[in-house]
Amino acid sequence: MSNSDQTTEFFGVLARVLLRSWIFGFVVLYAWFGMILLAKEPFYGLIGNWFGLSNHEMDLANLCGIALLKLLLIVFFFFPWLSIRLMLRGRKA
């Protein structure tokens, strides 16, 4: 196996890992969103009492957390995956 083939194989594996990590991250994101939709009162009661937060403050914290997680997933997993896939496609041509 040549060095070029090993490099291509490495980047192929890396692309698959990044894609799976991105998908897993969005599963966590949707679970978080679902928990807020379906179990808002018990969750807010428990966490709000621990930290003395109002429902508005909990809404704001969750919204910011979801937005930050989505941004990080796109920047650290989707864009690198897309870059690697485009590089590998260009290498085959």
PDB file of N, CA and C in Angstrom:
ATOM      1  N   MET A   1       0.842  -1.169   0.000  1.00  0.00           N
ATOM      2  CA  MET A   1       0.000   0.000   0.000  1.00  0.00           C
ATOM      3  C   MET A   1       0.891   1.237   0.000  1.00  0.00           C
ATOM      4  N   SER A   2       0.633   2.155  -0.914  1.00  0.00           N
ATOM      5  CA  SER A   2       1.466   3.345  -1.008  1.00  0.00           C
ATOM      6  C   SER A   2       1.063   4.373   0.048  1.00  0.00           C
ATOM      7  N   ASN A   3       1.918   5.355   0.195  1.00  0.00           N
ATOM      8  CA  ASN A   3       1.677   6.402   1.176  1.00  0.00           C
ATOM      9  C   ASN A   3       0.415   7.193   0.826  1.00  0.00           C
ATOM     10  N   SER A   4       0.172   7.411  -0.452  1.00  0.00           N
ATOM     11  CA  SER A   4      -1.029   8.127  -0.891  1.00  0.00           C
ATOM     12  C   SER A   4      -2.295   7.348  -0.542  1.00  0.00           C
ATOM     13  N   ASP A   5      -2.241   6.027  -0.709  1.00  0.00           N
ATOM     14  CA  ASP A   5      -3.401   5.194  -0.356  1.00  0.00           C
ATOM     15  C   ASP A   5      -3.658   5.214   1.148  1.00  0.00           C
ATOM     16  N   GLN A   6      -2.580   5.193   1.930  1.00  0.00           N
ATOM     17  CA  GLN A   6      -2.735   5.244   3.382  1.00  0.00           C
ATOM     18  C   GLN A   6      -3.331   6.578   3.822  1.00  0.00           C
ATOM     19  N   THR A   7      -2.891   7.648   3.183  1.00  0.00           N
ATOM     20  CA  THR A   7      -3.426   8.973   3.511  1.00  0.00           C
ATOM     21  C   THR A   7      -4.894   9.059   3.159  1.00  0.00           C
ATOM     22  N   THR A   8      -5.255   8.551   1.996  1.00  0.00           N
ATOM     23  CA  THR A   8      -6.658   8.559   1.576  1.00  0.00           C
ATOM     24  C   THR A   8      -7.511   7.728   2.525  1.00  0.00           C
ATOM     25  N   GLU A   9      -6.997   6.570   2.926  1.00  0.00           N
ATOM     26  CA  GLU A   9      -7.738   5.717   3.858  1.00  0.00           C
ATOM     27  C   GLU A   9      -7.895   6.397   5.215  1.00  0.00           C
ATOM     28  N   PHE A  10      -6.833   7.052   5.691  1.00  0.00           N
ATOM     29  CA  PHE A  10      -6.893   7.764   6.967  1.00  0.00           C
ATOM     30  C   PHE A  10      -7.967   8.841   6.941  1.00  0.00           C
ATOM     31  N   PHE A  11      -7.961   9.659   5.878  1.00  0.00           N
ATOM     32  CA  PHE A  11      -8.951  10.727   5.788  1.00  0.00           C
ATOM     33  C   PHE A  11     -10.362  10.182   5.599  1.00  0.00           C
ATOM     34  N   GLY A  12     -10.497   9.042   4.950  1.00  0.00           N
ATOM     35  CA  GLY A  12     -11.805   8.411   4.829  1.00  0.00           C
ATOM     36  C   GLY A  12     -12.347   7.985   6.185  1.00  0.00           C
ATOM     37  N   VAL A  13     -11.483   7.389   6.999  1.00  0.00           N
ATOM     38  CA  VAL A  13     -11.884   6.975   8.355  1.00  0.00           C
ATOM     39  C   VAL A  13     -12.199   8.200   9.202  1.00  0.00           C
ATOM     40  N   LEU A  14     -11.361   9.220   9.096  1.00  0.00           N
ATOM     41  CA  LEU A  14     -11.594  10.448   9.851  1.00  0.00           C
ATOM     42  C   LEU A  14     -12.929  11.091   9.463  1.00  0.00           C
ATOM     43  N   ALA A  15     -13.258  11.081   8.181  1.00  0.00           N
ATOM     44  CA  ALA A  15     -14.530  11.637   7.723  1.00  0.00           C
ATOM     45  C   ALA A  15     -15.703  10.855   8.306  1.00  0.00           C
ATOM     46  N   ARG A  16     -15.594   9.545   8.365  1.00  0.00           N
ATOM     47  CA  ARG A  16     -16.679   8.744   8.944  1.00  0.00           C
ATOM     48  C   ARG A  16     -16.838   9.012  10.440  1.00  0.00           C
ATOM     49  N   VAL A  17     -15.724   9.184  11.149  1.00  0.00           N
ATOM     50  CA  VAL A  17     -15.784   9.483  12.584  1.00  0.00           C
ATOM     51  C   VAL A  17     -16.430  10.846  12.810  1.00  0.00           C
ATOM     52  N   LEU A  18     -16.047  11.831  12.016  1.00  0.00           N
ATOM     53  CA  LEU A  18     -16.631  13.164  12.162  1.00  0.00           C
ATOM     54  C   LEU A  18     -18.128  13.150  11.875  1.00  0.00           C
ATOM     55  N   LEU A  19     -18.534  12.416  10.845  1.00  0.00           N
ATOM     56  CA  LEU A  19     -19.953  12.348  10.503  1.00  0.00           C
ATOM     57  C   LEU A  19     -20.745  11.674  11.627  1.00  0.00           C
ATOM     58  N   ARG A  20     -20.223  10.583  12.165  1.00  0.00           N
ATOM     59  CA  ARG A  20     -20.921   9.899  13.257  1.00  0.00           C
ATOM     60  C   ARG A  20     -20.977  10.767  14.509  1.00  0.00           C
ATOM     61  N   SER A  21     -19.927  11.503  14.779  1.00  0.00           N
ATOM     62  CA  SER A  21     -19.923  12.412  15.928  1.00  0.00           C
ATOM     63  C   SER A  21     -20.940  13.525  15.737  1.00  0.00           C
ATOM     64  N   TRP A  22     -21.046  14.040  14.524  1.00  0.00           N
ATOM     65  CA  TRP A  22     -22.012  15.086  14.219  1.00  0.00           C
ATOM     66  C   TRP A  22     -23.439  14.564  14.412  1.00  0.00           C
ATOM     67  N   ILE A  23     -23.701  13.372  13.914  1.00  0.00           N
ATOM     68  CA  ILE A  23     -25.031  12.772  14.065  1.00  0.00           C
ATOM     69  C   ILE A  23     -25.342  12.522  15.542  1.00  0.00           C
ATOM     70  N   PHE A  24     -24.385  11.971  16.291  1.00  0.00           N
ATOM     71  CA  PHE A  24     -24.597  11.729  17.720  1.00  0.00           C
ATOM     72  C   PHE A  24     -24.857  13.033  18.461  1.00  0.00           C
ATOM     73  N   GLY A  25     -24.142  14.080  18.098  1.00  0.00           N
ATOM     74  CA  GLY A  25     -24.352  15.382  18.723  1.00  0.00           C
ATOM     75  C   GLY A  25     -25.758  15.905  18.485  1.00  0.00           C
ATOM     76  N   PHE A  26     -26.276  15.706  17.259  1.00  0.00           N
ATOM     77  CA  PHE A  26     -27.636  16.162  16.986  1.00  0.00           C
ATOM     78  C   PHE A  26     -28.672  15.291  17.688  1.00  0.00           C
ATOM     79  N   VAL A  27     -28.360  14.024  17.931  1.00  0.00           N
ATOM     80  CA  VAL A  27     -29.255  13.185  18.730  1.00  0.00           C
ATOM     81  C   VAL A  27     -29.328  13.742  20.157  1.00  0.00           C
ATOM     82  N   VAL A  28     -28.198  14.109  20.713  1.00  0.00           N
ATOM     83  CA  VAL A  28     -28.172  14.717  22.048  1.00  0.00           C
ATOM     84  C   VAL A  28     -28.936  16.041  22.039  1.00  0.00           C
ATOM     85  N   LEU A  29     -28.745  16.828  20.992  1.00  0.00           N
ATOM     86  CA  LEU A  29     -29.439  18.110  20.872  1.00  0.00           C
ATOM     87  C   LEU A  29     -30.950  17.922  20.841  1.00  0.00           C
ATOM     88  N   TYR A  30     -31.426  16.976  20.033  1.00  0.00           N
ATOM     89  CA  TYR A  30     -32.865  16.729  19.959  1.00  0.00           C
ATOM     90  C   TYR A  30     -33.408  16.112  21.242  1.00  0.00           C
ATOM     91  N   ALA A  31     -32.615  15.315  21.953  1.00  0.00           N
ATOM     92  CA  ALA A  31     -33.042  14.775  23.243  1.00  0.00           C
ATOM     93  C   ALA A  31     -33.195  15.908  24.256  1.00  0.00           C
ATOM     94  N   TRP A  32     -32.270  16.844  24.243  1.00  0.00           N
ATOM     95  CA  TRP A  32     -32.343  18.008  25.130  1.00  0.00           C
ATOM     96  C   TRP A  32     -33.598  18.824  24.819  1.00  0.00           C
ATOM     97  N   PHE A  33     -33.825  19.062  23.529  1.00  0.00           N
ATOM     98  CA  PHE A  33     -35.011  19.813  23.116  1.00  0.00           C
ATOM     99  C   PHE A  33     -36.294  19.066  23.504  1.00  0.00           C
ATOM    100  N   GLY A  34     -36.306  17.756  23.300  1.00  0.00           N
ATOM    101  CA  GLY A  34     -37.476  16.950  23.664  1.00  0.00           C
ATOM    102  C   GLY A  34     -37.729  16.956  25.158  1.00  0.00           C
ATOM    103  N   MET A  35     -36.665  16.921  25.946  1.00  0.00           N
ATOM    104  CA  MET A  35     -36.820  16.968  27.392  1.00  0.00           C
ATOM    105  C   MET A  35     -37.448  18.285  27.820  1.00  0.00           C
ATOM    106  N   ILE A  36     -37.052  19.364  27.176  1.00  0.00           N
ATOM    107  CA  ILE A  36     -37.629  20.667  27.510  1.00  0.00           C
ATOM    108  C   ILE A  36     -39.105  20.706  27.113  1.00  0.00           C
ATOM    109  N   LEU A  37     -39.441  20.122  25.974  1.00  0.00           N
ATOM    110  CA  LEU A  37     -40.832  20.125  25.537  1.00  0.00           C
ATOM    111  C   LEU A  37     -41.717  19.218  26.390  1.00  0.00           C
ATOM    112  N   LEU A  38     -41.226  18.041  26.721  1.00  0.00           N
ATOM    113  CA  LEU A  38     -42.060  17.036  27.372  1.00  0.00           C
ATOM    114  C   LEU A  38     -41.996  17.050  28.894  1.00  0.00           C
ATOM    115  N   ALA A  39     -40.876  17.435  29.460  1.00  0.00           N
ATOM    116  CA  ALA A  39     -40.725  17.376  30.924  1.00  0.00           C
ATOM    117  C   ALA A  39     -40.209  18.700  31.474  1.00  0.00           C
ATOM    118  N   LYS A  40     -40.784  19.780  30.995  1.00  0.00           N
ATOM    119  CA  LYS A  40     -40.295  21.101  31.375  1.00  0.00           C
ATOM    120  C   LYS A  40     -40.469  21.382  32.875  1.00  0.00           C
ATOM    121  N   GLU A  41     -41.653  21.152  33.396  1.00  0.00           N
ATOM    122  CA  GLU A  41     -41.930  21.500  34.793  1.00  0.00           C
ATOM    123  C   GLU A  41     -41.081  20.715  35.797  1.00  0.00           C
ATOM    124  N   PRO A  42     -40.979  19.373  35.682  1.00  0.00           N
ATOM    125  CA  PRO A  42     -40.126  18.663  36.659  1.00  0.00           C
ATOM    126  C   PRO A  42     -38.659  19.072  36.552  1.00  0.00           C
ATOM    127  N   PHE A  43     -38.185  19.241  35.328  1.00  0.00           N
ATOM    128  CA  PHE A  43     -36.786  19.632  35.128  1.00  0.00           C
ATOM    129  C   PHE A  43     -36.533  21.031  35.673  1.00  0.00           C
ATOM    130  N   TYR A  44     -37.405  21.970  35.350  1.00  0.00           N
ATOM    131  CA  TYR A  44     -37.227  23.344  35.811  1.00  0.00           C
ATOM    132  C   TYR A  44     -37.368  23.427  37.328  1.00  0.00           C
ATOM    133  N   GLY A  45     -38.285  22.634  37.892  1.00  0.00           N
ATOM    134  CA  GLY A  45     -38.445  22.639  39.340  1.00  0.00           C
ATOM    135  C   GLY A  45     -37.203  22.150  40.052  1.00  0.00           C
ATOM    136  N   LEU A  46     -36.610  21.085  39.534  1.00  0.00           N
ATOM    137  CA  LEU A  46     -35.417  20.508  40.158  1.00  0.00           C
ATOM    138  C   LEU A  46     -34.210  21.432  40.008  1.00  0.00           C
ATOM    139  N   ILE A  47     -33.890  21.800  38.795  1.00  0.00           N
ATOM    140  CA  ILE A  47     -32.701  22.619  38.544  1.00  0.00           C
ATOM    141  C   ILE A  47     -32.896  24.043  39.058  1.00  0.00           C
ATOM    142  N   GLY A  48     -34.093  24.588  38.854  1.00  0.00           N
ATOM    143  CA  GLY A  48     -34.362  25.948  39.319  1.00  0.00           C
ATOM    144  C   GLY A  48     -34.220  26.092  40.827  1.00  0.00           C
ATOM    145  N   ASN A  49     -34.646  25.064  41.550  1.00  0.00           N
ATOM    146  CA  ASN A  49     -34.514  25.111  43.007  1.00  0.00           C
ATOM    147  C   ASN A  49     -33.050  25.010  43.437  1.00  0.00           C
ATOM    148  N   TRP A  50     -32.276  24.235  42.739  1.00  0.00           N
ATOM    149  CA  TRP A  50     -30.854  24.107  43.093  1.00  0.00           C
ATOM    150  C   TRP A  50     -30.125  25.438  42.964  1.00  0.00           C
ATOM    151  N   PHE A  51     -30.407  26.140  41.873  1.00  0.00           N
ATOM    152  CA  PHE A  51     -29.645  27.353  41.572  1.00  0.00           C
ATOM    153  C   PHE A  51     -30.446  28.635  41.772  1.00  0.00           C
ATOM    154  N   GLY A  52     -31.697  28.533  42.202  1.00  0.00           N
ATOM    155  CA  GLY A  52     -32.506  29.714  42.446  1.00  0.00           C
ATOM    156  C   GLY A  52     -32.848  30.479  41.170  1.00  0.00           C
ATOM    157  N   LEU A  53     -33.147  29.753  40.097  1.00  0.00           N
ATOM    158  CA  LEU A  53     -33.444  30.390  38.811  1.00  0.00           C
ATOM    159  C   LEU A  53     -34.947  30.412  38.553  1.00  0.00           C
ATOM    160  N   SER A  54     -35.393  31.478  37.917  1.00  0.00           N
ATOM    161  CA  SER A  54     -36.800  31.557  37.515  1.00  0.00           C
ATOM    162  C   SER A  54     -36.991  30.767  36.216  1.00  0.00           C
ATOM    163  N   ASN A  55     -38.249  30.563  35.831  1.00  0.00           N
ATOM    164  CA  ASN A  55     -38.528  29.856  34.576  1.00  0.00           C
ATOM    165  C   ASN A  55     -37.973  30.615  33.382  1.00  0.00           C
ATOM    166  N   HIS A  56     -38.044  31.940  33.412  1.00  0.00           N
ATOM    167  CA  HIS A  56     -37.494  32.739  32.319  1.00  0.00           C
ATOM    168  C   HIS A  56     -35.980  32.540  32.206  1.00  0.00           C
ATOM    169  N   GLU A  57     -35.302  32.544  33.326  1.00  0.00           N
ATOM    170  CA  GLU A  57     -33.848  32.336  33.310  1.00  0.00           C
ATOM    171  C   GLU A  57     -33.492  30.932  32.822  1.00  0.00           C
ATOM    172  N   MET A  58     -34.298  29.944  33.196  1.00  0.00           N
ATOM    173  CA  MET A  58     -34.065  28.575  32.710  1.00  0.00           C
ATOM    174  C   MET A  58     -34.301  28.489  31.208  1.00  0.00           C
ATOM    175  N   ASP A  59     -35.357  29.147  30.710  1.00  0.00           N
ATOM    176  CA  ASP A  59     -35.602  29.179  29.264  1.00  0.00           C
ATOM    177  C   ASP A  59     -34.423  29.791  28.530  1.00  0.00           C
ATOM    178  N   LEU A  60     -33.936  30.896  29.041  1.00  0.00           N
ATOM    179  CA  LEU A  60     -32.813  31.589  28.423  1.00  0.00           C
ATOM    180  C   LEU A  60     -31.551  30.732  28.436  1.00  0.00           C
ATOM    181  N   ALA A  61     -31.269  30.090  29.556  1.00  0.00           N
ATOM    182  CA  ALA A  61     -30.079  29.237  29.655  1.00  0.00           C
ATOM    183  C   ALA A  61     -30.177  28.050  28.692  1.00  0.00           C
ATOM    184  N   ASN A  62     -31.347  27.429  28.612  1.00  0.00           N
ATOM    185  CA  ASN A  62     -31.511  26.302  27.699  1.00  0.00           C
ATOM    186  C   ASN A  62     -31.421  26.728  26.240  1.00  0.00           C
ATOM    187  N   LEU A  63     -32.028  27.846  25.901  1.00  0.00           N
ATOM    188  CA  LEU A  63     -31.954  28.344  24.535  1.00  0.00           C
ATOM    189  C   LEU A  63     -30.514  28.647  24.132  1.00  0.00           C
ATOM    190  N   CYS A  64     -29.787  29.309  25.010  1.00  0.00           N
ATOM    191  CA  CYS A  64     -28.376  29.615  24.728  1.00  0.00           C
ATOM    192  C   CYS A  64     -27.542  28.338  24.641  1.00  0.00           C
ATOM    193  N   GLY A  65     -27.810  27.384  25.509  1.00  0.00           N
ATOM    194  CA  GLY A  65     -27.079  26.116  25.471  1.00  0.00           C
ATOM    195  C   GLY A  65     -27.339  25.337  24.197  1.00  0.00           C
ATOM    196  N   ILE A  66     -28.591  25.290  23.769  1.00  0.00           N
ATOM    197  CA  ILE A  66     -28.928  24.584  22.533  1.00  0.00           C
ATOM    198  C   ILE A  66     -28.284  25.269  21.335  1.00  0.00           C
ATOM    199  N   ALA A  67     -28.333  26.604  21.305  1.00  0.00           N
ATOM    200  CA  ALA A  67     -27.720  27.336  20.194  1.00  0.00           C
ATOM    201  C   ALA A  67     -26.204  27.128  20.170  1.00  0.00           C
ATOM    202  N   LEU A  68     -25.569  27.156  21.327  1.00  0.00           N
ATOM    203  CA  LEU A  68     -24.124  26.953  21.399  1.00  0.00           C
ATOM    204  C   LEU A  68     -23.740  25.542  20.957  1.00  0.00           C
ATOM    205  N   LEU A  69     -24.494  24.545  21.414  1.00  0.00           N
ATOM    206  CA  LEU A  69     -24.211  23.171  21.015  1.00  0.00           C
ATOM    207  C   LEU A  69     -24.360  22.995  19.507  1.00  0.00           C
ATOM    208  N   LYS A  70     -25.409  23.568  18.937  1.00  0.00           N
ATOM    209  CA  LYS A  70     -25.615  23.465  17.497  1.00  0.00           C
ATOM    210  C   LYS A  70     -24.468  24.130  16.739  1.00  0.00           C
ATOM    211  N   LEU A  71     -24.043  25.301  17.183  1.00  0.00           N
ATOM    212  CA  LEU A  71     -22.932  25.997  16.543  1.00  0.00           C
ATOM    213  C   LEU A  71     -21.641  25.188  16.630  1.00  0.00           C
ATOM    214  N   LEU A  72     -21.362  24.631  17.796  1.00  0.00           N
ATOM    215  CA  LEU A  72     -20.142  23.837  17.972  1.00  0.00           C
ATOM    216  C   LEU A  72     -20.174  22.565  17.128  1.00  0.00           C
ATOM    217  N   LEU A  73     -21.330  21.926  17.029  1.00  0.00           N
ATOM    218  CA  LEU A  73     -21.443  20.726  16.196  1.00  0.00           C
ATOM    219  C   LEU A  73     -21.161  21.039  14.736  1.00  0.00           C
ATOM    220  N   ILE A  74     -21.680  22.151  14.274  1.00  0.00           N
ATOM    221  CA  ILE A  74     -21.469  22.514  12.871  1.00  0.00           C
ATOM    222  C   ILE A  74     -20.009  22.885  12.630  1.00  0.00           C
ATOM    223  N   VAL A  75     -19.431  23.694  13.509  1.00  0.00           N
ATOM    224  CA  VAL A  75     -18.065  24.178  13.302  1.00  0.00           C
ATOM    225  C   VAL A  75     -17.030  23.063  13.468  1.00  0.00           C
ATOM    226  N   PHE A  76     -17.192  22.228  14.489  1.00  0.00           N
ATOM    227  CA  PHE A  76     -16.149  21.245  14.793  1.00  0.00           C
ATOM    228  C   PHE A  76     -16.362  19.870  14.175  1.00  0.00           C
ATOM    229  N   PHE A  77     -17.556  19.576  13.663  1.00  0.00           N
ATOM    230  CA  PHE A  77     -17.779  18.262  13.071  1.00  0.00           C
ATOM    231  C   PHE A  77     -18.241  18.337  11.616  1.00  0.00           C
ATOM    232  N   PHE A  78     -19.225  19.192  11.318  1.00  0.00           N
ATOM    233  CA  PHE A  78     -19.761  19.212   9.958  1.00  0.00           C
ATOM    234  C   PHE A  78     -18.792  19.843   8.967  1.00  0.00           C
ATOM    235  N   PHE A  79     -18.271  21.024   9.281  1.00  0.00           N
ATOM    236  CA  PHE A  79     -17.356  21.685   8.340  1.00  0.00           C
ATOM    237  C   PHE A  79     -16.083  20.869   8.080  1.00  0.00           C
ATOM    238  N   PRO A  80     -15.444  20.290   9.105  1.00  0.00           N
ATOM    239  CA  PRO A  80     -14.289  19.433   8.807  1.00  0.00           C
ATOM    240  C   PRO A  80     -14.672  18.211   7.968  1.00  0.00           C
ATOM    241  N   TRP A  81     -15.814  17.600   8.258  1.00  0.00           N
ATOM    242  CA  TRP A  81     -16.262  16.453   7.463  1.00  0.00           C
ATOM    243  C   TRP A  81     -16.459  16.863   6.015  1.00  0.00           C
ATOM    244  N   LEU A  82     -17.125  17.984   5.799  1.00  0.00           N
ATOM    245  CA  LEU A  82     -17.370  18.464   4.444  1.00  0.00           C
ATOM    246  C   LEU A  82     -16.059  18.773   3.728  1.00  0.00           C
ATOM    247  N   SER A  83     -15.124  19.381   4.400  1.00  0.00           N
ATOM    248  CA  SER A  83     -13.820  19.691   3.808  1.00  0.00           C
ATOM    249  C   SER A  83     -13.082  18.421   3.399  1.00  0.00           C
ATOM    250  N   ILE A  84     -13.090  17.428   4.261  1.00  0.00           N
ATOM    251  CA  ILE A  84     -12.412  16.164   3.942  1.00  0.00           C
ATOM    252  C   ILE A  84     -13.089  15.478   2.769  1.00  0.00           C
ATOM    253  N   ARG A  85     -14.421  15.455   2.763  1.00  0.00           N
ATOM    254  CA  ARG A  85     -15.131  14.805   1.651  1.00  0.00           C
ATOM    255  C   ARG A  85     -14.834  15.500   0.328  1.00  0.00           C
ATOM    256  N   LEU A  86     -14.789  16.826   0.320  1.00  0.00           N
ATOM    257  CA  LEU A  86     -14.475  17.558  -0.909  1.00  0.00           C
ATOM    258  C   LEU A  86     -13.035  17.301  -1.342  1.00  0.00           C
ATOM    259  N   MET A  87     -12.122  17.213  -0.383  1.00  0.00           N
ATOM    260  CA  MET A  87     -10.729  16.933  -0.717  1.00  0.00           C
ATOM    261  C   MET A  87     -10.597  15.528  -1.315  1.00  0.00           C
ATOM    262  N   LEU A  88     -11.273  14.542  -0.703  1.00  0.00           N
ATOM    263  CA  LEU A  88     -11.196  13.180  -1.216  1.00  0.00           C
ATOM    264  C   LEU A  88     -11.849  13.066  -2.590  1.00  0.00           C
ATOM    265  N   ARG A  89     -12.924  13.780  -2.821  1.00  0.00           N
ATOM    266  CA  ARG A  89     -13.573  13.769  -4.129  1.00  0.00           C
ATOM    267  C   ARG A  89     -12.662  14.368  -5.188  1.00  0.00           C
ATOM    268  N   GLY A  90     -11.961  15.446  -4.841  1.00  0.00           N
ATOM    269  CA  GLY A  90     -11.022  16.074  -5.767  1.00  0.00           C
ATOM    270  C   GLY A  90      -9.820  15.191  -6.043  1.00  0.00           C
ATOM    271  N   ARG A  91      -9.434  14.402  -5.071  1.00  0.00           N
ATOM    272  CA  ARG A  91      -8.277  13.505  -5.240  1.00  0.00           C
ATOM    273  C   ARG A  91      -8.589  12.352  -6.189  1.00  0.00           C
ATOM    274  N   LYS A  92      -9.854  11.882  -6.190  1.00  0.00           N
ATOM    275  CA  LYS A  92     -10.241  10.775  -7.068  1.00  0.00           C
ATOM    276  C   LYS A  92     -10.322  11.220  -8.515  1.00  0.00           C
ATOM    277  N   ALA A  93     -10.661  12.488  -8.742  1.00  0.00           N
ATOM    278  CA  ALA A  93     -10.851  12.965 -10.123  1.00  0.00           C
ATOM    279  C   ALA A  93      -9.546  13.213 -10.826  1.00  0.00           C
TER     280      ALA A  93
END
